[in-house]
């Protein structure tokens, strides 16, 4: 095991221990994984960004690393700018419809009770820029897939998706058309502790 692989494994253990779980929130049968402790403690926040950086440096060789990190509203905004800065990349937000000024591109995605829309500023990504899409959790995969489609509409090269956690039982990964990485172990069913 390389020193960076060993460091990443150690960081993952530390980070996973900091998560809090809340059964039956926001509805009965759901085990909510609270990622906010990763941000309230500066040592954990630094460890979290370092873990993401190690993953990217391990899986994307020099010259194939992102030029742009795209963060999904709202939790992708919590760590997207820090990660982008660490990587020497730009940060671009993807927001709910009507929240961004100027010309935008729009993509729809299905939610539990109907469609919703994401937007990106039309000039946010340049033709050929390499892009990594990040968010806190991949559940059904709809919102991440919509963000990926926006990257492509603008001519970006979608390198992949990075999430903190994954709800495996919802099979959202299957909707994503680029390599997908989950930093911490995920739930295989809604109430199984990880």
N, C-alpha and C. Protein backbone atom coordinates (compact mmCIF):
# COMPACT_ATOMS: atom_id res chain seq x y z
N UNK A 1 0.86 -1.19 0.00
CA UNK A 1 0.00 0.00 0.00
C UNK A 1 0.89 1.24 0.00
N UNK A 2 0.63 2.18 -0.91
CA UNK A 2 1.43 3.40 -0.98
C UNK A 2 1.13 4.29 0.22
N UNK A 3 2.01 5.26 0.45
CA UNK A 3 1.79 6.14 1.59
C UNK A 3 0.51 6.96 1.43
N UNK A 4 0.18 7.36 0.18
CA UNK A 4 -1.07 8.12 -0.01
C UNK A 4 -2.29 7.23 0.19
N UNK A 5 -2.21 5.95 -0.21
CA UNK A 5 -3.33 5.02 0.02
C UNK A 5 -3.52 4.79 1.51
N UNK A 6 -2.42 4.66 2.22
CA UNK A 6 -2.48 4.46 3.67
C UNK A 6 -3.05 5.70 4.36
N UNK A 7 -2.61 6.87 3.92
CA UNK A 7 -3.13 8.12 4.49
C UNK A 7 -4.63 8.25 4.22
N UNK A 8 -5.06 7.92 3.01
CA UNK A 8 -6.47 8.01 2.65
C UNK A 8 -7.31 7.06 3.50
N UNK A 9 -6.84 5.83 3.68
CA UNK A 9 -7.56 4.85 4.50
C UNK A 9 -7.71 5.35 5.93
N UNK A 10 -6.66 5.92 6.47
CA UNK A 10 -6.68 6.44 7.83
C UNK A 10 -7.65 7.63 7.95
N UNK A 11 -7.62 8.50 6.97
CA UNK A 11 -8.53 9.66 6.98
C UNK A 11 -9.99 9.22 6.89
N UNK A 12 -10.27 8.22 6.08
CA UNK A 12 -11.65 7.74 5.93
C UNK A 12 -12.21 7.24 7.26
N UNK A 13 -11.40 6.51 8.00
CA UNK A 13 -11.83 6.01 9.32
C UNK A 13 -12.15 7.18 10.24
N UNK A 14 -11.25 8.14 10.29
CA UNK A 14 -11.43 9.32 11.14
C UNK A 14 -12.70 10.09 10.75
N UNK A 15 -12.90 10.29 9.47
CA UNK A 15 -14.05 11.05 9.00
C UNK A 15 -15.36 10.32 9.26
N UNK A 16 -15.37 9.02 9.01
CA UNK A 16 -16.60 8.25 9.21
C UNK A 16 -17.04 8.28 10.66
N UNK A 17 -16.08 8.23 11.58
CA UNK A 17 -16.41 8.27 13.01
C UNK A 17 -17.05 9.59 13.42
N UNK A 18 -16.81 10.64 12.65
CA UNK A 18 -17.35 11.96 13.01
C UNK A 18 -18.80 12.16 12.57
N UNK A 19 -19.29 11.32 11.66
CA UNK A 19 -20.67 11.46 11.19
C UNK A 19 -21.65 11.09 12.30
N UNK A 20 -22.80 11.75 12.29
CA UNK A 20 -23.86 11.42 13.24
C UNK A 20 -25.02 10.82 12.47
N UNK A 21 -25.73 9.91 13.12
CA UNK A 21 -26.88 9.27 12.48
C UNK A 21 -28.15 9.57 13.28
N UNK A 22 -29.21 9.86 12.53
CA UNK A 22 -30.49 10.16 13.13
C UNK A 22 -31.55 9.27 12.49
N UNK A 23 -31.99 8.21 13.22
CA UNK A 23 -33.03 7.33 12.67
C UNK A 23 -34.35 8.08 12.51
N UNK A 24 -35.09 7.69 11.49
CA UNK A 24 -36.43 8.21 11.24
C UNK A 24 -36.46 9.73 11.01
N UNK A 25 -35.41 10.25 10.40
CA UNK A 25 -35.38 11.66 10.02
C UNK A 25 -35.00 11.76 8.55
N UNK A 26 -35.66 12.52 7.75
CA UNK A 26 -36.79 13.41 8.05
C UNK A 26 -38.14 12.70 8.08
N UNK A 27 -38.16 11.41 7.69
CA UNK A 27 -39.41 10.65 7.73
C UNK A 27 -39.13 9.27 8.32
N UNK A 28 -40.15 8.57 8.81
CA UNK A 28 -39.96 7.23 9.35
C UNK A 28 -39.33 6.30 8.31
N UNK A 29 -38.39 5.48 8.77
CA UNK A 29 -37.73 4.52 7.90
C UNK A 29 -36.44 5.02 7.27
N UNK A 30 -36.13 6.29 7.47
CA UNK A 30 -34.91 6.87 6.90
C UNK A 30 -33.87 7.01 8.00
N UNK A 31 -32.64 6.61 7.70
CA UNK A 31 -31.52 6.83 8.60
C UNK A 31 -30.72 7.99 8.02
N UNK A 32 -30.82 9.15 8.65
CA UNK A 32 -30.16 10.35 8.16
C UNK A 32 -28.72 10.39 8.63
N UNK A 33 -27.80 10.54 7.69
CA UNK A 33 -26.37 10.65 8.00
C UNK A 33 -26.02 12.14 7.99
N UNK A 34 -25.66 12.66 9.14
CA UNK A 34 -25.35 14.09 9.28
C UNK A 34 -23.88 14.32 8.99
N UNK A 35 -23.60 15.03 7.89
CA UNK A 35 -22.21 15.32 7.50
C UNK A 35 -21.71 16.63 8.09
N UNK A 36 -22.57 17.40 8.73
CA UNK A 36 -22.18 18.74 9.18
C UNK A 36 -21.01 18.76 10.16
N UNK A 37 -20.80 17.72 10.98
CA UNK A 37 -19.60 17.75 11.83
C UNK A 37 -18.29 17.84 11.04
N UNK A 38 -18.29 17.42 9.78
CA UNK A 38 -17.08 17.54 8.96
C UNK A 38 -16.69 18.99 8.74
N UNK A 39 -17.63 19.90 8.92
CA UNK A 39 -17.38 21.31 8.64
C UNK A 39 -17.28 22.17 9.89
N UNK A 40 -17.82 21.71 11.01
CA UNK A 40 -17.81 22.52 12.23
C UNK A 40 -16.47 22.45 12.96
N UNK A 41 -15.68 21.45 12.64
CA UNK A 41 -14.37 21.27 13.27
C UNK A 41 -13.29 21.50 12.20
N UNK A 42 -12.42 22.51 12.37
CA UNK A 42 -11.44 22.80 11.32
C UNK A 42 -10.46 21.66 11.04
N UNK A 43 -10.15 20.86 12.04
CA UNK A 43 -9.25 19.72 11.83
C UNK A 43 -9.93 18.67 10.94
N UNK A 44 -11.20 18.38 11.22
CA UNK A 44 -11.96 17.44 10.39
C UNK A 44 -12.17 17.98 8.98
N UNK A 45 -12.45 19.27 8.90
CA UNK A 45 -12.66 19.88 7.58
C UNK A 45 -11.39 19.73 6.73
N UNK A 46 -10.26 20.03 7.31
CA UNK A 46 -8.98 19.87 6.60
C UNK A 46 -8.75 18.41 6.21
N UNK A 47 -9.05 17.49 7.12
CA UNK A 47 -8.87 16.05 6.82
C UNK A 47 -9.79 15.62 5.68
N UNK A 48 -11.00 16.13 5.67
CA UNK A 48 -11.97 15.81 4.63
C UNK A 48 -11.48 16.29 3.26
N UNK A 49 -11.06 17.53 3.19
CA UNK A 49 -10.56 18.07 1.91
C UNK A 49 -9.31 17.32 1.48
N UNK A 50 -8.45 16.97 2.43
CA UNK A 50 -7.24 16.21 2.10
C UNK A 50 -7.61 14.83 1.54
N UNK A 51 -8.61 14.18 2.11
CA UNK A 51 -9.04 12.86 1.62
C UNK A 51 -9.53 12.97 0.17
N UNK A 52 -10.31 13.98 -0.12
CA UNK A 52 -10.78 14.18 -1.50
C UNK A 52 -9.61 14.46 -2.44
N UNK A 53 -8.69 15.29 -1.99
CA UNK A 53 -7.51 15.60 -2.79
C UNK A 53 -6.70 14.34 -3.09
N UNK A 54 -6.49 13.50 -2.09
CA UNK A 54 -5.74 12.25 -2.29
C UNK A 54 -6.44 11.36 -3.30
N UNK A 55 -7.77 11.25 -3.19
CA UNK A 55 -8.51 10.44 -4.16
C UNK A 55 -8.29 10.96 -5.58
N UNK A 56 -8.41 12.24 -5.76
CA UNK A 56 -8.28 12.83 -7.10
C UNK A 56 -6.87 12.65 -7.64
N UNK A 57 -5.87 12.87 -6.81
CA UNK A 57 -4.49 12.71 -7.26
C UNK A 57 -4.16 11.25 -7.56
N UNK A 58 -4.81 10.32 -6.88
CA UNK A 58 -4.59 8.90 -7.13
C UNK A 58 -5.29 8.43 -8.40
N UNK A 59 -6.48 8.95 -8.66
CA UNK A 59 -7.30 8.44 -9.76
C UNK A 59 -7.28 9.26 -11.05
N UNK A 60 -6.75 10.46 -10.96
CA UNK A 60 -6.65 11.32 -12.15
C UNK A 60 -5.20 11.76 -12.29
N UNK A 61 -4.48 11.22 -13.28
CA UNK A 61 -3.07 11.57 -13.44
C UNK A 61 -2.88 13.04 -13.80
N UNK A 62 -1.69 13.54 -13.55
CA UNK A 62 -1.34 14.91 -13.93
C UNK A 62 -1.77 15.15 -15.38
N UNK A 63 -2.39 16.27 -15.64
CA UNK A 63 -2.88 16.57 -16.97
C UNK A 63 -4.31 16.12 -17.20
N UNK A 64 -4.82 15.25 -16.33
CA UNK A 64 -6.20 14.77 -16.44
C UNK A 64 -7.02 15.16 -15.21
N UNK A 65 -6.50 16.07 -14.43
CA UNK A 65 -7.21 16.53 -13.23
C UNK A 65 -8.18 17.64 -13.61
N UNK A 66 -9.16 17.89 -12.75
CA UNK A 66 -10.20 18.86 -13.12
C UNK A 66 -9.68 20.30 -13.23
N UNK A 67 -10.23 20.99 -14.22
CA UNK A 67 -10.05 22.44 -14.35
C UNK A 67 -11.13 23.15 -13.55
N UNK A 68 -12.25 22.46 -13.38
CA UNK A 68 -13.43 23.04 -12.72
C UNK A 68 -14.06 21.98 -11.82
N UNK A 69 -14.45 22.41 -10.62
CA UNK A 69 -15.26 21.59 -9.72
C UNK A 69 -16.66 22.19 -9.73
N UNK A 70 -17.66 21.38 -10.05
CA UNK A 70 -19.05 21.82 -10.04
C UNK A 70 -19.70 21.27 -8.78
N UNK A 71 -20.27 22.16 -7.97
CA UNK A 71 -20.95 21.76 -6.75
C UNK A 71 -22.44 21.96 -6.86
N UNK A 72 -23.21 20.97 -6.41
CA UNK A 72 -24.67 21.04 -6.47
C UNK A 72 -25.22 21.75 -5.24
N UNK A 73 -26.29 22.53 -5.47
CA UNK A 73 -26.97 23.21 -4.38
C UNK A 73 -27.59 22.18 -3.46
N UNK A 74 -27.45 22.26 -2.20
CA UNK A 74 -26.75 23.27 -1.45
C UNK A 74 -25.48 22.69 -0.81
N UNK A 75 -25.48 21.41 -0.52
CA UNK A 75 -24.34 20.88 0.24
C UNK A 75 -23.06 20.76 -0.55
N UNK A 76 -23.16 20.70 -1.86
CA UNK A 76 -21.94 20.74 -2.68
C UNK A 76 -21.22 22.07 -2.54
N UNK A 77 -21.96 23.10 -2.07
CA UNK A 77 -21.35 24.41 -1.85
C UNK A 77 -20.50 24.42 -0.58
N UNK A 78 -20.76 23.48 0.33
CA UNK A 78 -20.01 23.45 1.59
C UNK A 78 -18.54 23.09 1.39
N UNK A 79 -18.27 22.20 0.44
CA UNK A 79 -16.88 21.76 0.27
C UNK A 79 -16.32 21.96 -1.13
N UNK A 80 -17.17 22.30 -2.07
CA UNK A 80 -16.70 22.50 -3.43
C UNK A 80 -15.65 23.59 -3.58
N UNK A 81 -15.88 24.78 -3.02
CA UNK A 81 -14.87 25.83 -3.16
C UNK A 81 -13.53 25.48 -2.51
N UNK A 82 -13.57 24.85 -1.34
CA UNK A 82 -12.32 24.46 -0.67
C UNK A 82 -11.55 23.44 -1.50
N UNK A 83 -12.26 22.45 -2.04
CA UNK A 83 -11.61 21.43 -2.86
C UNK A 83 -11.06 22.05 -4.14
N UNK A 84 -11.83 22.89 -4.78
CA UNK A 84 -11.37 23.54 -6.02
C UNK A 84 -10.10 24.34 -5.76
N UNK A 85 -10.09 25.10 -4.69
CA UNK A 85 -8.91 25.89 -4.34
C UNK A 85 -7.70 24.99 -4.13
N UNK A 86 -7.88 23.89 -3.41
CA UNK A 86 -6.80 22.95 -3.14
C UNK A 86 -6.25 22.36 -4.44
N UNK A 87 -7.13 22.14 -5.42
CA UNK A 87 -6.73 21.52 -6.69
C UNK A 87 -6.24 22.54 -7.71
N UNK A 88 -6.35 23.83 -7.39
CA UNK A 88 -6.00 24.85 -8.36
C UNK A 88 -7.02 24.93 -9.48
N UNK A 89 -8.26 24.62 -9.17
CA UNK A 89 -9.35 24.60 -10.15
C UNK A 89 -10.35 25.70 -9.83
N UNK A 90 -11.21 26.00 -10.78
CA UNK A 90 -12.30 26.92 -10.54
C UNK A 90 -13.47 26.19 -9.89
N UNK A 91 -14.36 26.96 -9.28
CA UNK A 91 -15.59 26.39 -8.71
C UNK A 91 -16.78 27.00 -9.43
N UNK A 92 -17.73 26.15 -9.81
CA UNK A 92 -18.96 26.59 -10.48
C UNK A 92 -20.15 25.98 -9.75
N UNK A 93 -21.11 26.82 -9.31
CA UNK A 93 -22.31 26.29 -8.67
C UNK A 93 -23.38 25.89 -9.68
N UNK A 94 -24.07 24.81 -9.38
CA UNK A 94 -25.30 24.43 -10.08
C UNK A 94 -26.42 24.68 -9.08
N UNK A 95 -27.39 25.51 -9.50
CA UNK A 95 -28.43 25.94 -8.57
C UNK A 95 -29.81 25.60 -9.07
N UNK A 96 -30.76 25.69 -8.15
CA UNK A 96 -32.17 25.53 -8.51
C UNK A 96 -32.55 26.64 -9.49
N UNK A 97 -33.53 26.35 -10.31
CA UNK A 97 -33.97 27.28 -11.35
C UNK A 97 -34.32 28.65 -10.75
N UNK A 98 -33.88 29.71 -11.43
CA UNK A 98 -34.22 31.07 -11.04
C UNK A 98 -33.29 31.70 -10.02
N UNK A 99 -32.21 31.03 -9.63
CA UNK A 99 -31.31 31.55 -8.59
C UNK A 99 -30.03 32.17 -9.15
N UNK A 100 -29.74 31.99 -10.43
CA UNK A 100 -28.51 32.50 -11.03
C UNK A 100 -28.80 33.66 -11.98
N UNK A 101 -27.97 34.71 -11.95
CA UNK A 101 -28.17 35.83 -12.88
C UNK A 101 -27.61 35.52 -14.27
N UNK A 102 -28.08 36.28 -15.24
CA UNK A 102 -27.55 36.18 -16.59
C UNK A 102 -28.08 34.97 -17.34
N UNK A 103 -27.56 34.75 -18.55
CA UNK A 103 -27.98 33.59 -19.35
C UNK A 103 -27.60 32.28 -18.66
N UNK A 104 -28.51 31.33 -18.70
CA UNK A 104 -28.28 30.03 -18.06
C UNK A 104 -28.69 28.89 -18.99
N UNK A 105 -28.19 27.72 -18.66
CA UNK A 105 -28.66 26.47 -19.27
C UNK A 105 -29.44 25.73 -18.19
N UNK A 106 -30.44 24.96 -18.59
CA UNK A 106 -31.33 24.28 -17.65
C UNK A 106 -31.39 22.78 -17.95
N UNK A 107 -31.48 21.99 -16.89
CA UNK A 107 -31.71 20.54 -17.01
C UNK A 107 -32.74 20.15 -15.97
N UNK A 108 -33.62 19.22 -16.34
CA UNK A 108 -34.64 18.75 -15.40
C UNK A 108 -34.22 17.40 -14.82
N UNK A 109 -34.77 17.11 -13.66
CA UNK A 109 -34.58 15.80 -13.04
C UNK A 109 -35.80 15.46 -12.22
N UNK A 110 -36.02 14.16 -12.03
CA UNK A 110 -37.20 13.70 -11.30
C UNK A 110 -36.93 13.64 -9.81
N UNK A 111 -37.90 14.13 -9.05
CA UNK A 111 -37.87 14.01 -7.60
C UNK A 111 -39.02 13.11 -7.20
N UNK A 112 -39.13 12.87 -5.91
CA UNK A 112 -40.17 11.99 -5.40
C UNK A 112 -41.56 12.41 -5.83
N UNK A 113 -41.81 13.73 -5.88
CA UNK A 113 -43.15 14.21 -6.18
C UNK A 113 -43.21 15.04 -7.46
N UNK A 114 -42.35 14.77 -8.43
CA UNK A 114 -42.41 15.50 -9.70
C UNK A 114 -41.04 15.97 -10.14
N UNK A 115 -41.04 16.83 -11.14
CA UNK A 115 -39.78 17.30 -11.73
C UNK A 115 -39.26 18.54 -11.01
N UNK A 116 -37.95 18.71 -11.06
CA UNK A 116 -37.30 19.92 -10.58
C UNK A 116 -36.26 20.30 -11.62
N UNK A 117 -35.68 21.49 -11.47
CA UNK A 117 -34.77 21.99 -12.49
C UNK A 117 -33.51 22.56 -11.87
N UNK A 118 -32.38 22.27 -12.49
CA UNK A 118 -31.09 22.85 -12.12
C UNK A 118 -30.65 23.78 -13.24
N UNK A 119 -29.89 24.80 -12.86
CA UNK A 119 -29.33 25.71 -13.85
C UNK A 119 -27.86 25.96 -13.58
N UNK A 120 -27.16 26.34 -14.65
CA UNK A 120 -25.76 26.73 -14.59
C UNK A 120 -25.61 27.96 -15.48
N UNK A 121 -24.75 28.89 -15.11
CA UNK A 121 -24.52 30.05 -15.96
C UNK A 121 -23.92 29.59 -17.28
N UNK A 122 -24.41 30.14 -18.37
CA UNK A 122 -24.07 29.67 -19.71
C UNK A 122 -22.59 29.81 -20.05
N UNK A 123 -21.88 30.71 -19.37
CA UNK A 123 -20.45 30.90 -19.65
C UNK A 123 -19.54 30.35 -18.56
N UNK A 124 -20.09 29.53 -17.66
CA UNK A 124 -19.34 29.07 -16.49
C UNK A 124 -18.26 28.05 -16.81
N UNK A 125 -18.45 27.27 -17.85
CA UNK A 125 -17.49 26.23 -18.24
C UNK A 125 -17.13 26.47 -19.70
N UNK A 126 -15.84 26.45 -19.96
CA UNK A 126 -15.36 26.66 -21.33
C UNK A 126 -15.25 25.32 -22.06
N UNK A 127 -15.38 25.36 -23.37
CA UNK A 127 -15.25 24.18 -24.22
C UNK A 127 -13.97 23.42 -23.87
N UNK A 128 -14.10 22.12 -23.59
CA UNK A 128 -12.95 21.26 -23.34
C UNK A 128 -12.43 21.25 -21.91
N UNK A 129 -12.96 22.10 -21.03
CA UNK A 129 -12.49 22.07 -19.65
C UNK A 129 -12.89 20.75 -19.00
N UNK A 130 -11.98 20.22 -18.18
CA UNK A 130 -12.23 18.97 -17.47
C UNK A 130 -12.97 19.30 -16.17
N UNK A 131 -14.07 18.57 -15.92
CA UNK A 131 -14.98 18.92 -14.83
C UNK A 131 -15.27 17.72 -13.94
N UNK A 132 -15.26 17.96 -12.63
CA UNK A 132 -15.65 16.98 -11.63
C UNK A 132 -16.90 17.52 -10.94
N UNK A 133 -17.95 16.71 -10.84
CA UNK A 133 -19.20 17.10 -10.19
C UNK A 133 -19.20 16.51 -8.78
N UNK A 134 -19.51 17.35 -7.79
CA UNK A 134 -19.50 16.89 -6.40
C UNK A 134 -20.81 17.24 -5.70
N UNK A 135 -21.15 16.38 -4.72
CA UNK A 135 -22.30 16.63 -3.85
C UNK A 135 -22.13 15.79 -2.60
N UNK A 136 -23.01 15.98 -1.63
CA UNK A 136 -22.87 15.25 -0.38
C UNK A 136 -23.26 13.79 -0.51
N UNK A 137 -24.41 13.52 -1.14
CA UNK A 137 -24.93 12.15 -1.19
C UNK A 137 -25.46 11.85 -2.58
N UNK A 138 -25.21 10.63 -3.05
CA UNK A 138 -25.91 10.16 -4.25
C UNK A 138 -27.02 9.23 -3.76
N UNK A 139 -28.24 9.61 -4.07
CA UNK A 139 -29.41 8.79 -3.70
C UNK A 139 -29.98 8.20 -4.98
N UNK A 140 -30.93 8.88 -5.61
CA UNK A 140 -31.50 8.35 -6.86
C UNK A 140 -30.63 8.67 -8.07
N UNK A 141 -29.71 9.61 -7.93
CA UNK A 141 -28.81 9.98 -9.02
C UNK A 141 -29.36 11.03 -9.96
N UNK A 142 -30.61 11.41 -9.79
CA UNK A 142 -31.23 12.35 -10.72
C UNK A 142 -30.59 13.72 -10.74
N UNK A 143 -30.33 14.29 -9.57
CA UNK A 143 -29.76 15.64 -9.54
C UNK A 143 -28.33 15.64 -10.07
N UNK A 144 -27.55 14.63 -9.72
CA UNK A 144 -26.17 14.56 -10.22
C UNK A 144 -26.16 14.37 -11.74
N UNK A 145 -27.04 13.51 -12.25
CA UNK A 145 -27.11 13.30 -13.70
C UNK A 145 -27.49 14.59 -14.42
N UNK A 146 -28.40 15.37 -13.82
CA UNK A 146 -28.77 16.65 -14.42
C UNK A 146 -27.57 17.59 -14.46
N UNK A 147 -26.80 17.62 -13.38
CA UNK A 147 -25.60 18.47 -13.36
C UNK A 147 -24.60 18.01 -14.42
N UNK A 148 -24.42 16.70 -14.55
CA UNK A 148 -23.53 16.17 -15.58
C UNK A 148 -23.97 16.57 -16.97
N UNK A 149 -25.28 16.57 -17.21
CA UNK A 149 -25.79 16.96 -18.53
C UNK A 149 -25.53 18.44 -18.79
N UNK A 150 -25.59 19.27 -17.74
CA UNK A 150 -25.29 20.70 -17.90
C UNK A 150 -23.82 20.91 -18.26
N UNK A 151 -22.94 20.15 -17.63
CA UNK A 151 -21.51 20.23 -17.95
C UNK A 151 -21.30 19.96 -19.44
N UNK A 152 -21.94 18.91 -19.92
CA UNK A 152 -21.79 18.53 -21.34
C UNK A 152 -22.42 19.56 -22.28
N UNK A 153 -23.57 20.14 -21.88
CA UNK A 153 -24.20 21.18 -22.71
C UNK A 153 -23.26 22.34 -22.96
N UNK A 154 -22.43 22.65 -21.96
CA UNK A 154 -21.51 23.77 -22.08
C UNK A 154 -20.19 23.38 -22.75
N UNK A 155 -20.06 22.10 -23.12
CA UNK A 155 -18.84 21.66 -23.80
C UNK A 155 -17.75 21.18 -22.88
N UNK A 156 -18.07 21.00 -21.59
CA UNK A 156 -17.09 20.48 -20.65
C UNK A 156 -16.90 18.98 -20.82
N UNK A 157 -15.75 18.49 -20.36
CA UNK A 157 -15.45 17.06 -20.36
C UNK A 157 -15.73 16.56 -18.95
N UNK A 158 -16.74 15.71 -18.80
CA UNK A 158 -17.13 15.21 -17.49
C UNK A 158 -16.18 14.10 -17.06
N UNK A 159 -15.31 14.40 -16.07
CA UNK A 159 -14.36 13.40 -15.56
C UNK A 159 -15.03 12.38 -14.66
N UNK A 160 -16.00 12.83 -13.86
CA UNK A 160 -16.65 11.93 -12.93
C UNK A 160 -17.44 12.67 -11.88
N UNK A 161 -17.92 11.87 -10.91
CA UNK A 161 -18.73 12.36 -9.81
C UNK A 161 -18.07 11.93 -8.51
N UNK A 162 -18.11 12.82 -7.51
CA UNK A 162 -17.57 12.49 -6.18
C UNK A 162 -18.62 12.86 -5.14
N UNK A 163 -18.89 11.92 -4.24
CA UNK A 163 -19.86 12.11 -3.17
C UNK A 163 -19.24 11.73 -1.84
N UNK A 164 -19.79 12.25 -0.76
CA UNK A 164 -19.36 11.83 0.57
C UNK A 164 -19.95 10.46 0.86
N UNK A 165 -21.26 10.30 0.63
CA UNK A 165 -21.97 9.05 0.94
C UNK A 165 -22.85 8.63 -0.23
N UNK A 166 -23.26 7.37 -0.20
CA UNK A 166 -24.15 6.83 -1.22
C UNK A 166 -25.22 5.98 -0.55
N UNK A 167 -26.44 6.12 -1.00
CA UNK A 167 -27.53 5.25 -0.56
C UNK A 167 -27.67 4.16 -1.62
N UNK A 168 -26.90 3.08 -1.46
CA UNK A 168 -26.81 2.01 -2.48
C UNK A 168 -28.17 1.49 -2.92
N UNK A 169 -29.06 1.33 -1.95
CA UNK A 169 -30.33 0.68 -2.22
C UNK A 169 -31.21 1.47 -3.19
N UNK A 170 -30.88 2.75 -3.43
CA UNK A 170 -31.62 3.56 -4.40
C UNK A 170 -31.02 3.49 -5.80
N UNK A 171 -29.85 2.87 -5.91
CA UNK A 171 -29.21 2.60 -7.21
C UNK A 171 -28.98 3.83 -8.08
N UNK A 172 -28.71 4.96 -7.44
CA UNK A 172 -28.47 6.20 -8.18
C UNK A 172 -27.24 6.17 -9.05
N UNK A 173 -26.24 5.42 -8.64
CA UNK A 173 -24.99 5.30 -9.41
C UNK A 173 -25.27 4.83 -10.84
N UNK A 174 -26.30 4.00 -10.99
CA UNK A 174 -26.63 3.45 -12.31
C UNK A 174 -27.07 4.52 -13.31
N UNK A 175 -27.51 5.68 -12.83
CA UNK A 175 -27.94 6.77 -13.71
C UNK A 175 -26.77 7.65 -14.17
N UNK A 176 -25.61 7.44 -13.58
CA UNK A 176 -24.48 8.33 -13.85
C UNK A 176 -23.58 7.74 -14.93
N UNK A 177 -23.21 8.58 -15.87
CA UNK A 177 -22.50 8.11 -17.06
C UNK A 177 -21.00 8.43 -17.05
N UNK A 178 -20.43 8.56 -15.86
CA UNK A 178 -19.00 8.80 -15.72
C UNK A 178 -18.56 8.12 -14.42
N UNK A 179 -17.25 7.90 -14.24
CA UNK A 179 -16.79 7.26 -13.01
C UNK A 179 -17.35 7.96 -11.77
N UNK A 180 -17.77 7.14 -10.80
CA UNK A 180 -18.42 7.66 -9.60
C UNK A 180 -17.69 7.14 -8.38
N UNK A 181 -17.36 8.06 -7.47
CA UNK A 181 -16.60 7.73 -6.27
C UNK A 181 -17.37 8.20 -5.04
N UNK A 182 -17.46 7.33 -4.05
CA UNK A 182 -18.04 7.67 -2.76
C UNK A 182 -16.94 7.59 -1.72
N UNK A 183 -16.70 8.68 -1.01
CA UNK A 183 -15.60 8.74 -0.05
C UNK A 183 -15.77 7.78 1.11
N UNK A 184 -16.96 7.78 1.73
CA UNK A 184 -17.18 6.96 2.92
C UNK A 184 -18.15 5.83 2.62
N UNK A 185 -18.10 4.78 3.44
CA UNK A 185 -18.96 3.62 3.20
C UNK A 185 -20.42 4.06 3.24
N UNK A 186 -21.23 3.32 2.52
CA UNK A 186 -22.60 3.75 2.30
C UNK A 186 -23.60 2.78 2.89
N UNK A 187 -24.85 3.19 2.90
CA UNK A 187 -25.93 2.38 3.45
C UNK A 187 -26.45 1.42 2.38
N UNK A 188 -26.58 0.16 2.75
CA UNK A 188 -27.15 -0.79 1.78
C UNK A 188 -28.66 -0.90 1.94
N UNK A 189 -29.18 -0.43 3.04
CA UNK A 189 -30.63 -0.24 3.15
C UNK A 189 -30.87 0.91 4.12
N UNK A 190 -32.05 1.47 4.09
CA UNK A 190 -32.32 2.72 4.76
C UNK A 190 -32.02 2.80 6.23
N UNK A 191 -32.10 1.70 6.97
CA UNK A 191 -31.87 1.78 8.40
C UNK A 191 -30.64 1.01 8.86
N UNK A 192 -29.81 0.59 7.93
CA UNK A 192 -28.60 -0.13 8.34
C UNK A 192 -27.52 0.87 8.71
N UNK A 193 -26.98 0.73 9.89
CA UNK A 193 -25.90 1.63 10.31
C UNK A 193 -24.64 1.26 9.56
N UNK A 194 -23.88 2.30 9.20
CA UNK A 194 -22.63 2.07 8.46
C UNK A 194 -21.44 2.27 9.36
